[in-house]
Amino acid sequence: MSIPEATQLHQDIGELKADVRSLSGQVEKLGGALEKALGDRGRIFEASRDIEGLKEELKELREKQASHGEKLAGINAKLFILGTAITAVAGLIGAFASKF
């Protein structure tokens, strides 16, 4: 091997070492990014489960709200009927009492 060939080979080896260091740094950065992405994925999965649970809870609350709304409407109707009856009875008592 001649000196120019040896020099070229030495330069090539140096460039390859620099490339390996550069690629190693990039791999480390990608490893960190992958680790972060996996953590984000885990948090997204947990949030998704939480959302599903909250949707189910909201559905149950809306069903209860509808049920309570129906009960409230029934109570209001009964109160209206009782109020009307009380007013009618009071009118009768007043009319009866005025005769004496």
PDB file of N, CA and C in Angstrom:
ATOM      1  N   MET A   1       0.853  -1.158   0.000  1.00  0.00           N
ATOM      2  CA  MET A   1       0.000   0.000   0.000  1.00  0.00           C
ATOM      3  C   MET A   1       0.907   1.231   0.000  1.00  0.00           C
ATOM      4  N   SER A   2       0.590   2.167  -0.826  1.00  0.00           N
ATOM      5  CA  SER A   2       1.409   3.374  -0.937  1.00  0.00           C
ATOM      6  C   SER A   2       0.992   4.372   0.132  1.00  0.00           C
ATOM      7  N   ILE A   3       1.806   5.350   0.321  1.00  0.00           N
ATOM      8  CA  ILE A   3       1.539   6.378   1.342  1.00  0.00           C
ATOM      9  C   ILE A   3       0.274   7.155   0.998  1.00  0.00           C
ATOM     10  N   PRO A   4       0.048   7.560  -0.267  1.00  0.00           N
ATOM     11  CA  PRO A   4      -1.189   8.260  -0.559  1.00  0.00           C
ATOM     12  C   PRO A   4      -2.412   7.380  -0.279  1.00  0.00           C
ATOM     13  N   GLU A   5      -2.308   6.083  -0.574  1.00  0.00           N
ATOM     14  CA  GLU A   5      -3.427   5.173  -0.293  1.00  0.00           C
ATOM     15  C   GLU A   5      -3.656   5.041   1.206  1.00  0.00           C
ATOM     16  N   ALA A   6      -2.558   4.935   1.964  1.00  0.00           N
ATOM     17  CA  ALA A   6      -2.657   4.823   3.424  1.00  0.00           C
ATOM     18  C   ALA A   6      -3.257   6.090   4.014  1.00  0.00           C
ATOM     19  N   THR A   7      -2.838   7.238   3.468  1.00  0.00           N
ATOM     20  CA  THR A   7      -3.374   8.515   3.949  1.00  0.00           C
ATOM     21  C   THR A   7      -4.867   8.608   3.651  1.00  0.00           C
ATOM     22  N   GLN A   8      -5.219   8.209   2.440  1.00  0.00           N
ATOM     23  CA  GLN A   8      -6.637   8.230   2.056  1.00  0.00           C
ATOM     24  C   GLN A   8      -7.437   7.282   2.937  1.00  0.00           C
ATOM     25  N   LEU A   9      -6.895   6.103   3.194  1.00  0.00           N
ATOM     26  CA  LEU A   9      -7.563   5.126   4.050  1.00  0.00           C
ATOM     27  C   LEU A   9      -7.728   5.681   5.457  1.00  0.00           C
ATOM     28  N   HIS A  10      -6.711   6.350   5.958  1.00  0.00           N
ATOM     29  CA  HIS A  10      -6.762   6.955   7.297  1.00  0.00           C
ATOM     30  C   HIS A  10      -7.848   8.042   7.336  1.00  0.00           C
ATOM     31  N   GLN A  11      -7.936   8.843   6.282  1.00  0.00           N
ATOM     32  CA  GLN A  11      -8.967   9.887   6.208  1.00  0.00           C
ATOM     33  C   GLN A  11     -10.363   9.261   6.149  1.00  0.00           C
ATOM     34  N   ASP A  12     -10.458   8.199   5.336  1.00  0.00           N
ATOM     35  CA  ASP A  12     -11.748   7.516   5.226  1.00  0.00           C
ATOM     36  C   ASP A  12     -12.186   6.952   6.576  1.00  0.00           C
ATOM     37  N   ILE A  13     -11.251   6.373   7.294  1.00  0.00           N
ATOM     38  CA  ILE A  13     -11.552   5.827   8.628  1.00  0.00           C
ATOM     39  C   ILE A  13     -11.986   6.950   9.559  1.00  0.00           C
ATOM     40  N   GLY A  14     -11.291   8.075   9.503  1.00  0.00           N
ATOM     41  CA  GLY A  14     -11.664   9.227  10.334  1.00  0.00           C
ATOM     42  C   GLY A  14     -13.063   9.718  10.009  1.00  0.00           C
ATOM     43  N   GLU A  15     -13.397   9.801   8.714  1.00  0.00           N
ATOM     44  CA  GLU A  15     -14.732  10.229   8.301  1.00  0.00           C
ATOM     45  C   GLU A  15     -15.787   9.224   8.753  1.00  0.00           C
ATOM     46  N   LEU A  16     -15.459   7.936   8.643  1.00  0.00           N
ATOM     47  CA  LEU A  16     -16.402   6.906   9.091  1.00  0.00           C
ATOM     48  C   LEU A  16     -16.639   6.984  10.592  1.00  0.00           C
ATOM     49  N   LYS A  17     -15.571   7.246  11.355  1.00  0.00           N
ATOM     50  CA  LYS A  17     -15.716   7.395  12.809  1.00  0.00           C
ATOM     51  C   LYS A  17     -16.617   8.590  13.121  1.00  0.00           C
ATOM     52  N   ALA A  18     -16.415   9.691  12.386  1.00  0.00           N
ATOM     53  CA  ALA A  18     -17.243  10.886  12.598  1.00  0.00           C
ATOM     54  C   ALA A  18     -18.700  10.571  12.249  1.00  0.00           C
ATOM     55  N   ASP A  19     -18.898   9.835  11.145  1.00  0.00           N
ATOM     56  CA  ASP A  19     -20.257   9.437  10.757  1.00  0.00           C
ATOM     57  C   ASP A  19     -20.898   8.558  11.825  1.00  0.00           C
ATOM     58  N   VAL A  20     -20.115   7.620  12.382  1.00  0.00           N
ATOM     59  CA  VAL A  20     -20.639   6.732  13.424  1.00  0.00           C
ATOM     60  C   VAL A  20     -21.027   7.546  14.654  1.00  0.00           C
ATOM     61  N   ARG A  21     -20.191   8.523  15.057  1.00  0.00           N
ATOM     62  CA  ARG A  21     -20.519   9.366  16.217  1.00  0.00           C
ATOM     63  C   ARG A  21     -21.786  10.170  15.945  1.00  0.00           C
ATOM     64  N   SER A  22     -21.879  10.708  14.727  1.00  0.00           N
ATOM     65  CA  SER A  22     -23.064  11.492  14.359  1.00  0.00           C
ATOM     66  C   SER A  22     -24.311  10.615  14.388  1.00  0.00           C
ATOM     67  N   LEU A  23     -24.210   9.444  13.794  1.00  0.00           N
ATOM     68  CA  LEU A  23     -25.353   8.531  13.772  1.00  0.00           C
ATOM     69  C   LEU A  23     -25.714   8.062  15.171  1.00  0.00           C
ATOM     70  N   SER A  24     -24.718   7.842  16.013  1.00  0.00           N
ATOM     71  CA  SER A  24     -24.991   7.438  17.404  1.00  0.00           C
ATOM     72  C   SER A  24     -25.763   8.531  18.130  1.00  0.00           C
ATOM     73  N   GLY A  25     -25.368   9.779  17.896  1.00  0.00           N
ATOM     74  CA  GLY A  25     -26.091  10.900  18.501  1.00  0.00           C
ATOM     75  C   GLY A  25     -27.526  10.964  18.016  1.00  0.00           C
ATOM     76  N   GLN A  26     -27.715  10.732  16.717  1.00  0.00           N
ATOM     77  CA  GLN A  26     -29.065  10.752  16.162  1.00  0.00           C
ATOM     78  C   GLN A  26     -29.904   9.611  16.737  1.00  0.00           C
ATOM     79  N   VAL A  27     -29.278   8.436  16.905  1.00  0.00           N
ATOM     80  CA  VAL A  27     -29.989   7.295  17.483  1.00  0.00           C
ATOM     81  C   VAL A  27     -30.402   7.612  18.913  1.00  0.00           C
ATOM     82  N   GLU A  28     -29.516   8.256  19.680  1.00  0.00           N
ATOM     83  CA  GLU A  28     -29.858   8.630  21.056  1.00  0.00           C
ATOM     84  C   GLU A  28     -31.034   9.608  21.072  1.00  0.00           C
ATOM     85  N   LYS A  29     -30.993  10.593  20.157  1.00  0.00           N
ATOM     86  CA  LYS A  29     -32.099  11.557  20.086  1.00  0.00           C
ATOM     87  C   LYS A  29     -33.400  10.849  19.720  1.00  0.00           C
ATOM     88  N   LEU A  30     -33.321   9.952  18.737  1.00  0.00           N
ATOM     89  CA  LEU A  30     -34.521   9.213  18.335  1.00  0.00           C
ATOM     90  C   LEU A  30     -35.019   8.325  19.468  1.00  0.00           C
ATOM     91  N   GLY A  31     -34.076   7.733  20.212  1.00  0.00           N
ATOM     92  CA  GLY A  31     -34.471   6.917  21.365  1.00  0.00           C
ATOM     93  C   GLY A  31     -35.219   7.750  22.389  1.00  0.00           C
ATOM     94  N   GLY A  32     -34.735   8.958  22.642  1.00  0.00           N
ATOM     95  CA  GLY A  32     -35.419   9.858  23.572  1.00  0.00           C
ATOM     96  C   GLY A  32     -36.786  10.257  23.061  1.00  0.00           C
ATOM     97  N   ALA A  33     -36.847  10.551  21.752  1.00  0.00           N
ATOM     98  CA  ALA A  33     -38.139  10.923  21.159  1.00  0.00           C
ATOM     99  C   ALA A  33     -39.108   9.751  21.219  1.00  0.00           C
ATOM    100  N   LEU A  34     -38.604   8.535  20.965  1.00  0.00           N
ATOM    101  CA  LEU A  34     -39.452   7.347  21.023  1.00  0.00           C
ATOM    102  C   LEU A  34     -39.961   7.127  22.439  1.00  0.00           C
ATOM    103  N   GLU A  35     -39.081   7.298  23.405  1.00  0.00           N
ATOM    104  CA  GLU A  35     -39.473   7.128  24.805  1.00  0.00           C
ATOM    105  C   GLU A  35     -40.575   8.123  25.177  1.00  0.00           C
ATOM    106  N   LYS A  36     -40.385   9.375  24.735  1.00  0.00           N
ATOM    107  CA  LYS A  36     -41.398  10.402  25.007  1.00  0.00           C
ATOM    108  C   LYS A  36     -42.709  10.048  24.307  1.00  0.00           C
ATOM    109  N   ALA A  37     -42.625   9.594  23.054  1.00  0.00           N
ATOM    110  CA  ALA A  37     -43.826   9.237  22.304  1.00  0.00           C
ATOM    111  C   ALA A  37     -44.562   8.086  22.970  1.00  0.00           C
ATOM    112  N   LEU A  38     -43.820   7.118  23.482  1.00  0.00           N
ATOM    113  CA  LEU A  38     -44.459   5.990  24.168  1.00  0.00           C
ATOM    114  C   LEU A  38     -45.147   6.456  25.448  1.00  0.00           C
ATOM    115  N   GLY A  39     -44.492   7.379  26.154  1.00  0.00           N
ATOM    116  CA  GLY A  39     -45.120   7.948  27.352  1.00  0.00           C
ATOM    117  C   GLY A  39     -46.389   8.704  27.001  1.00  0.00           C
ATOM    118  N   ASP A  40     -46.312   9.503  25.916  1.00  0.00           N
ATOM    119  CA  ASP A  40     -47.492  10.245  25.457  1.00  0.00           C
ATOM    120  C   ASP A  40     -48.604   9.279  25.059  1.00  0.00           C
ATOM    121  N   ARG A  41     -48.219   8.206  24.369  1.00  0.00           N
ATOM    122  CA  ARG A  41     -49.203   7.208  23.949  1.00  0.00           C
ATOM    123  C   ARG A  41     -49.903   6.602  25.162  1.00  0.00           C
ATOM    124  N   GLY A  42     -49.127   6.312  26.201  1.00  0.00           N
ATOM    125  CA  GLY A  42     -49.714   5.758  27.427  1.00  0.00           C
ATOM    126  C   GLY A  42     -50.690   6.728  28.067  1.00  0.00           C
ATOM    127  N   ARG A  43     -50.299   8.007  28.107  1.00  0.00           N
ATOM    128  CA  ARG A  43     -51.184   9.014  28.698  1.00  0.00           C
ATOM    129  C   ARG A  43     -52.450   9.188  27.847  1.00  0.00           C
ATOM    130  N   ILE A  44     -52.289   9.129  26.528  1.00  0.00           N
ATOM    131  CA  ILE A  44     -53.448   9.246  25.646  1.00  0.00           C
ATOM    132  C   ILE A  44     -54.381   8.063  25.851  1.00  0.00           C
ATOM    133  N   PHE A  45     -53.820   6.879  25.989  1.00  0.00           N
ATOM    134  CA  PHE A  45     -54.639   5.686  26.219  1.00  0.00           C
ATOM    135  C   PHE A  45     -55.411   5.814  27.525  1.00  0.00           C
ATOM    136  N   GLU A  46     -54.729   6.268  28.587  1.00  0.00           N
ATOM    137  CA  GLU A  46     -55.400   6.450  29.880  1.00  0.00           C
ATOM    138  C   GLU A  46     -56.495   7.505  29.772  1.00  0.00           C
ATOM    139  N   ALA A  47     -56.195   8.600  29.068  1.00  0.00           N
ATOM    140  CA  ALA A  47     -57.194   9.664  28.898  1.00  0.00           C
ATOM    141  C   ALA A  47     -58.386   9.143  28.112  1.00  0.00           C
ATOM    142  N   SER A  48     -58.120   8.305  27.138  1.00  0.00           N
ATOM    143  CA  SER A  48     -59.205   7.721  26.343  1.00  0.00           C
ATOM    144  C   SER A  48     -60.117   6.868  27.219  1.00  0.00           C
ATOM    145  N   ARG A  49     -59.497   6.068  28.107  1.00  0.00           N
ATOM    146  CA  ARG A  49     -60.312   5.259  29.029  1.00  0.00           C
ATOM    147  C   ARG A  49     -61.105   6.156  29.957  1.00  0.00           C
ATOM    148  N   ASP A  50     -60.458   7.231  30.446  1.00  0.00           N
ATOM    149  CA  ASP A  50     -61.163   8.165  31.323  1.00  0.00           C
ATOM    150  C   ASP A  50     -62.345   8.799  30.596  1.00  0.00           C
ATOM    151  N   ILE A  51     -62.148   9.150  29.328  1.00  0.00           N
ATOM    152  CA  ILE A  51     -63.213   9.767  28.542  1.00  0.00           C
ATOM    153  C   ILE A  51     -64.383   8.801  28.400  1.00  0.00           C
ATOM    154  N   GLU A  52     -64.081   7.541  28.127  1.00  0.00           N
ATOM    155  CA  GLU A  52     -65.152   6.553  27.993  1.00  0.00           C
ATOM    156  C   GLU A  52     -65.926   6.421  29.299  1.00  0.00           C
ATOM    157  N   GLY A  53     -65.207   6.413  30.416  1.00  0.00           N
ATOM    158  CA  GLY A  53     -65.870   6.339  31.716  1.00  0.00           C
ATOM    159  C   GLY A  53     -66.737   7.558  31.970  1.00  0.00           C
ATOM    160  N   LEU A  54     -66.220   8.728  31.607  1.00  0.00           N
ATOM    161  CA  LEU A  54     -66.996   9.953  31.804  1.00  0.00           C
ATOM    162  C   LEU A  54     -68.217   9.998  30.887  1.00  0.00           C
ATOM    163  N   LYS A  55     -68.075   9.478  29.672  1.00  0.00           N
ATOM    164  CA  LYS A  55     -69.233   9.419  28.769  1.00  0.00           C
ATOM    165  C   LYS A  55     -70.330   8.534  29.361  1.00  0.00           C
ATOM    166  N   GLU A  56     -69.919   7.409  29.926  1.00  0.00           N
ATOM    167  CA  GLU A  56     -70.893   6.493  30.533  1.00  0.00           C
ATOM    168  C   GLU A  56     -71.560   7.151  31.739  1.00  0.00           C
ATOM    169  N   GLU A  57     -70.762   7.847  32.546  1.00  0.00           N
ATOM    170  CA  GLU A  57     -71.307   8.538  33.714  1.00  0.00           C
ATOM    171  C   GLU A  57     -72.281   9.639  33.283  1.00  0.00           C
ATOM    172  N   LEU A  58     -71.922  10.371  32.227  1.00  0.00           N
ATOM    173  CA  LEU A  58     -72.806  11.421  31.710  1.00  0.00           C
ATOM    174  C   LEU A  58     -74.118  10.829  31.213  1.00  0.00           C
ATOM    175  N   LYS A  59     -74.032   9.694  30.531  1.00  0.00           N
ATOM    176  CA  LYS A  59     -75.240   9.027  30.039  1.00  0.00           C
ATOM    177  C   LYS A  59     -76.150   8.653  31.205  1.00  0.00           C
ATOM    178  N   GLU A  60     -75.559   8.087  32.258  1.00  0.00           N
ATOM    179  CA  GLU A  60     -76.337   7.702  33.433  1.00  0.00           C
ATOM    180  C   GLU A  60     -76.963   8.927  34.098  1.00  0.00           C
ATOM    181  N   LEU A  61     -76.195  10.014  34.193  1.00  0.00           N
ATOM    182  CA  LEU A  61     -76.725  11.235  34.804  1.00  0.00           C
ATOM    183  C   LEU A  61     -77.867  11.818  33.980  1.00  0.00           C
ATOM    184  N   ARG A  62     -77.733  11.758  32.662  1.00  0.00           N
ATOM    185  CA  ARG A  62     -78.816  12.273  31.811  1.00  0.00           C
ATOM    186  C   ARG A  62     -80.076  11.423  31.971  1.00  0.00           C
ATOM    187  N   GLU A  63     -79.902  10.116  32.104  1.00  0.00           N
ATOM    188  CA  GLU A  63     -81.052   9.235  32.323  1.00  0.00           C
ATOM    189  C   GLU A  63     -81.720   9.566  33.653  1.00  0.00           C
ATOM    190  N   LYS A  64     -80.904   9.782  34.691  1.00  0.00           N
ATOM    191  CA  LYS A  64     -81.459  10.146  36.001  1.00  0.00           C
ATOM    192  C   LYS A  64     -82.151  11.497  35.926  1.00  0.00           C
ATOM    193  N   GLN A  65     -81.523  12.431  35.193  1.00  0.00           N
ATOM    194  CA  GLN A  65     -82.114  13.765  35.059  1.00  0.00           C
ATOM    195  C   GLN A  65     -83.477  13.673  34.385  1.00  0.00           C
ATOM    196  N   ALA A  66     -83.573  12.853  33.354  1.00  0.00           N
ATOM    197  CA  ALA A  66     -84.852  12.681  32.658  1.00  0.00           C
ATOM    198  C   ALA A  66     -85.879  12.071  33.604  1.00  0.00           C
ATOM    199  N   SER A  67     -85.450  11.078  34.358  1.00  0.00           N
ATOM    200  CA  SER A  67     -86.358  10.429  35.306  1.00  0.00           C
ATOM    201  C   SER A  67     -86.827  11.420  36.369  1.00  0.00           C
ATOM    202  N   HIS A  68     -85.885  12.197  36.899  1.00  0.00           N
ATOM    203  CA  HIS A  68     -86.248  13.185  37.919  1.00  0.00           C
ATOM    204  C   HIS A  68     -87.130  14.281  37.324  1.00  0.00           C
ATOM    205  N   GLY A  69     -86.863  14.622  36.056  1.00  0.00           N
ATOM    206  CA  GLY A  69     -87.697  15.629  35.390  1.00  0.00           C
ATOM    207  C   GLY A  69     -89.135  15.152  35.271  1.00  0.00           C
ATOM    208  N   GLU A  70     -89.307  13.872  34.945  1.00  0.00           N
ATOM    209  CA  GLU A  70     -90.660  13.305  34.843  1.00  0.00           C
ATOM    210  C   GLU A  70     -91.332  13.307  36.214  1.00  0.00           C
ATOM    211  N   LYS A  71     -90.568  12.928  37.251  1.00  0.00           N
ATOM    212  CA  LYS A  71     -91.136  12.926  38.608  1.00  0.00           C
ATOM    213  C   LYS A  71     -91.521  14.336  39.025  1.00  0.00           C
ATOM    214  N   LEU A  72     -90.648  15.306  38.702  1.00  0.00           N
ATOM    215  CA  LEU A  72     -90.921  16.694  39.057  1.00  0.00           C
ATOM    216  C   LEU A  72     -92.174  17.201  38.344  1.00  0.00           C
ATOM    217  N   ALA A  73     -92.327  16.835  37.089  1.00  0.00           N
ATOM    218  CA  ALA A  73     -93.528  17.242  36.349  1.00  0.00           C
ATOM    219  C   ALA A  73     -94.774  16.651  37.004  1.00  0.00           C
ATOM    220  N   GLY A  74     -94.696  15.398  37.442  1.00  0.00           N
ATOM    221  CA  GLY A  74     -95.823  14.770  38.131  1.00  0.00           C
ATOM    222  C   GLY A  74     -96.132  15.464  39.446  1.00  0.00           C
ATOM    223  N   ILE A  75     -95.103  15.818  40.195  1.00  0.00           N
ATOM    224  CA  ILE A  75     -95.291  16.512  41.481  1.00  0.00           C
ATOM    225  C   ILE A  75     -95.905  17.887  41.240  1.00  0.00           C
ATOM    226  N   ASN A  76     -95.412  18.596  40.219  1.00  0.00           N
ATOM    227  CA  ASN A  76     -95.968  19.918  39.908  1.00  0.00           C
ATOM    228  C   ASN A  76     -97.434  19.820  39.515  1.00  0.00           C
ATOM    229  N   ALA A  77     -97.785  18.781  38.763  1.00  0.00           N
ATOM    230  CA  ALA A  77     -99.187  18.588  38.370  1.00  0.00           C
ATOM    231  C   ALA A  77    -100.045  18.337  39.605  1.00  0.00           C
ATOM    232  N   LYS A  78     -99.554  17.492  40.517  1.00  0.00           N
ATOM    233  CA  LYS A  78    -100.301  17.211  41.750  1.00  0.00           C
ATOM    234  C   LYS A  78    -100.441  18.465  42.600  1.00  0.00           C
ATOM    235  N   LEU A  79     -99.366  19.265  42.690  1.00  0.00           N
ATOM    236  CA  LEU A  79     -99.428  20.508  43.462  1.00  0.00           C
ATOM    237  C   LEU A  79    -100.435  21.484  42.854  1.00  0.00           C
ATOM    238  N   PHE A  80    -100.475  21.530  41.550  1.00  0.00           N
ATOM    239  CA  PHE A  80    -101.446  22.402  40.880  1.00  0.00           C
ATOM    240  C   PHE A  80    -102.873  21.956  41.205  1.00  0.00           C
ATOM    241  N   ILE A  81    -103.108  20.650  41.124  1.00  0.00           N
ATOM    242  CA  ILE A  81    -104.443  20.105  41.429  1.00  0.00           C
ATOM    243  C   ILE A  81    -104.799  20.385  42.886  1.00  0.00           C
ATOM    244  N   LEU A  82    -103.832  20.150  43.805  1.00  0.00           N
ATOM    245  CA  LEU A  82    -104.099  20.419  45.229  1.00  0.00           C
ATOM    246  C   LEU A  82    -104.350  21.902  45.466  1.00  0.00           C
ATOM    247  N   GLY A  83    -103.566  22.768  44.810  1.00  0.00           N
ATOM    248  CA  GLY A  83    -103.771  24.214  44.957  1.00  0.00           C
ATOM    249  C   GLY A  83    -105.149  24.629  44.474  1.00  0.00           C
ATOM    250  N   THR A  84    -105.566  24.068  43.348  1.00  0.00           N
ATOM    251  CA  THR A  84    -106.898  24.358  42.811  1.00  0.00           C
ATOM    252  C   THR A  84    -107.971  23.861  43.763  1.00  0.00           C
ATOM    253  N   ALA A  85    -107.776  22.659  44.307  1.00  0.00           N
ATOM    254  CA  ALA A  85    -108.751  22.092  45.250  1.00  0.00           C
ATOM    255  C   ALA A  85    -108.825  22.928  46.520  1.00  0.00           C
ATOM    256  N   ILE A  86    -107.668  23.339  47.022  1.00  0.00           N
ATOM    257  CA  ILE A  86    -107.647  24.165  48.247  1.00  0.00           C
ATOM    258  C   ILE A  86    -108.364  25.489  47.998  1.00  0.00           C
ATOM    259  N   THR A  87    -108.110  26.088  46.841  1.00  0.00           N
ATOM    260  CA  THR A  87    -108.775  27.350  46.506  1.00  0.00           C
ATOM    261  C   THR A  87    -110.286  27.152  46.433  1.00  0.00           C
ATOM    262  N   ALA A  88    -110.702  26.051  45.835  1.00  0.00           N
ATOM    263  CA  ALA A  88    -112.138  25.763  45.720  1.00  0.00           C
ATOM    264  C   ALA A  88    -112.747  25.537  47.099  1.00  0.00           C
ATOM    265  N   VAL A  89    -112.077  24.767  47.956  1.00  0.00           N
ATOM    266  CA  VAL A  89    -112.581  24.502  49.312  1.00  0.00           C
ATOM    267  C   VAL A  89    -112.631  25.798  50.106  1.00  0.00           C
ATOM    268  N   ALA A  90    -111.594  26.626  49.976  1.00  0.00           N
ATOM    269  CA  ALA A  90    -111.593  27.908  50.691  1.00  0.00           C
ATOM    270  C   ALA A  90    -112.757  28.777  50.247  1.00  0.00           C
ATOM    271  N   GLY A  91    -113.041  28.754  48.950  1.00  0.00           N
ATOM    272  CA  GLY A  91    -114.185  29.508  48.433  1.00  0.00           C
ATOM    273  C   GLY A  91    -115.489  28.969  48.997  1.00  0.00           C
ATOM    274  N   LEU A  92    -115.633  27.662  49.104  1.00  0.00           N
ATOM    275  CA  LEU A  92    -116.834  27.082  49.658  1.00  0.00           C
ATOM    276  C   LEU A  92    -116.984  27.407  51.125  1.00  0.00           C
ATOM    277  N   ILE A  93    -115.869  27.337  51.861  1.00  0.00           N
ATOM    278  CA  ILE A  93    -115.909  27.662  53.295  1.00  0.00           C
ATOM    279  C   ILE A  93    -116.293  29.125  53.474  1.00  0.00           C
ATOM    280  N   GLY A  94    -115.702  29.994  52.641  1.00  0.00           N
ATOM    281  CA  GLY A  94    -116.036  31.415  52.729  1.00  0.00           C
ATOM    282  C   GLY A  94    -117.522  31.656  52.426  1.00  0.00           C
ATOM    283  N   ALA A  95    -118.013  30.989  51.414  1.00  0.00           N
ATOM    284  CA  ALA A  95    -119.437  31.143  51.057  1.00  0.00           C
ATOM    285  C   ALA A  95    -120.326  30.595  52.161  1.00  0.00           C
ATOM    286  N   PHE A  96    -119.968  29.463  52.723  1.00  0.00           N
ATOM    287  CA  PHE A  96    -120.743  28.861  53.794  1.00  0.00           C
ATOM    288  C   PHE A  96    -120.695  29.733  55.044  1.00  0.00           C
ATOM    289  N   ALA A  97    -119.515  30.244  55.393  1.00  0.00           N
ATOM    290  CA  ALA A  97    -119.362  31.064  56.591  1.00  0.00           C
ATOM    291  C   ALA A  97    -120.105  32.380  56.466  1.00  0.00           C
ATOM    292  N   SER A  98    -120.217  32.912  55.270  1.00  0.00           N
ATOM    293  CA  SER A  98    -120.915  34.196  55.095  1.00  0.00           C
ATOM    294  C   SER A  98    -122.426  34.053  55.292  1.00  0.00           C
ATOM    295  N   LYS A  99    -122.939  32.857  55.234  1.00  0.00           N
ATOM    296  CA  LYS A  99    -124.375  32.634  55.450  1.00  0.00           C
ATOM    297  C   LYS A  99    -124.719  32.644  56.934  1.00  0.00           C
ATOM    298  N   PHE A 100    -123.739  32.539  57.790  1.00  0.00           N
ATOM    299  CA  PHE A 100    -124.020  32.524  59.233  1.00  0.00           C
ATOM    300  C   PHE A 100    -123.649  33.781  59.873  1.00  0.00           C
TER     301      PHE A 100
END
